[in-house]
Amino acid sequence: MAKVLLFGRLSDIAGWRERTLEPLPASLSALRAQLCAEDEALAEALSAPGVQVALDQAIVRGDAALTAGSEVAFLPAMSGG
């Protein structure tokens, strides 16, 4: 089981902020593919430049394996000034 969190406009687009996925996807790329297959608008938002992924509260780049109890957060690009 993995806990998935969406922040900012990503949660607005998907209509949820927190979700538990079971069975556990094997990797971040598999998780992202699953979410994208379920929601076309979310797929577009997740592929936008600047979207970051945190695995167990640490920003990761590239792919990583998921383990039971993993927490994955998708963070929208930051803006401001």
Protein backbone atom coordinates (compact mmCIF):
# COMPACT_ATOMS: atom_id res chain seq x y z
CA MET A 1 0.00 0.00 0.00
CA ALA A 2 1.24 3.49 -0.86
CA LYS A 3 -0.11 6.83 0.31
CA VAL A 4 -0.34 9.44 -2.45
CA LEU A 5 -0.66 13.16 -1.75
CA LEU A 6 -1.46 15.91 -4.24
CA PHE A 7 -0.84 19.56 -3.41
CA GLY A 8 -2.05 22.87 -4.81
CA ARG A 9 -3.66 22.88 -8.23
CA LEU A 10 -2.91 19.17 -8.65
CA SER A 11 -5.43 18.30 -5.93
CA ASP A 12 -7.90 20.80 -7.42
CA ILE A 13 -7.65 19.08 -10.81
CA ALA A 14 -7.91 15.53 -9.45
CA GLY A 15 -10.63 16.29 -6.91
CA TRP A 16 -8.73 14.59 -4.08
CA ARG A 17 -5.80 15.44 -1.84
CA GLU A 18 -4.89 12.09 -0.30
CA ARG A 19 -5.39 8.56 -1.53
CA THR A 20 -4.17 5.09 -0.66
CA LEU A 21 -3.22 2.76 -3.52
CA GLU A 22 -3.37 -0.97 -3.17
CA PRO A 23 -1.83 -3.05 -4.61
CA LEU A 24 1.44 -1.19 -4.32
CA PRO A 25 2.88 -0.01 -7.65
CA ALA A 26 6.49 -1.18 -8.06
CA SER A 27 7.99 2.25 -8.77
CA LEU A 28 7.32 5.97 -9.01
CA SER A 29 7.03 5.68 -12.79
CA ALA A 30 4.43 2.89 -12.43
CA LEU A 31 2.51 4.98 -9.91
CA ARG A 32 2.56 8.04 -12.17
CA ALA A 33 1.44 5.91 -15.14
CA GLN A 34 -1.46 4.52 -13.11
CA LEU A 35 -2.61 7.99 -12.02
CA CYS A 36 -2.28 9.33 -15.57
CA ALA A 37 -4.29 6.43 -17.02
CA GLU A 38 -7.13 7.16 -14.59
CA ASP A 39 -7.41 10.92 -15.20
CA GLU A 40 -6.47 12.73 -18.41
CA ALA A 41 -6.50 16.20 -16.83
CA LEU A 42 -4.26 15.02 -13.99
CA ALA A 43 -1.95 13.37 -16.54
CA GLU A 44 -1.49 16.70 -18.28
CA ALA A 45 -0.89 18.51 -14.98
CA LEU A 46 1.66 15.94 -13.75
CA SER A 47 3.65 16.28 -16.97
CA ALA A 48 3.90 20.08 -16.64
CA PRO A 49 7.38 21.53 -16.15
CA GLY A 50 8.37 22.08 -12.55
CA VAL A 51 6.20 19.38 -10.96
CA GLN A 52 8.29 17.70 -8.27
CA VAL A 53 7.90 14.36 -6.54
CA ALA A 54 8.74 13.63 -2.91
CA LEU A 55 9.18 10.06 -1.72
CA ASP A 56 8.93 9.70 2.04
CA GLN A 57 9.36 13.48 2.41
CA ALA A 58 12.50 13.76 0.25
CA ILE A 59 12.48 15.26 -3.25
CA VAL A 60 13.54 12.68 -5.83
CA ARG A 61 14.48 12.99 -9.46
CA GLY A 62 14.02 10.08 -11.80
CA ASP A 63 12.53 6.75 -10.84
CA ALA A 64 12.64 4.97 -7.50
CA ALA A 65 11.25 1.75 -6.06
CA LEU A 66 8.27 1.93 -3.73
CA THR A 67 8.00 -0.14 -0.58
CA ALA A 68 5.08 -0.93 1.70
CA GLY A 69 4.09 2.24 3.51
CA SER A 70 5.73 4.62 1.01
CA GLU A 71 4.38 8.15 0.94
CA VAL A 72 4.50 9.88 -2.44
CA ALA A 73 3.69 13.57 -2.80
CA PHE A 74 3.29 15.42 -6.09
CA LEU A 75 4.10 19.12 -5.76
CA PRO A 76 3.14 21.69 -8.40
CA ALA A 77 5.64 24.17 -9.76
CA MET A 78 6.14 27.07 -7.38
CA SER A 79 5.65 30.64 -8.49
CA GLY A 80 5.63 33.97 -6.84
CA GLY A 81 7.91 36.81 -6.20
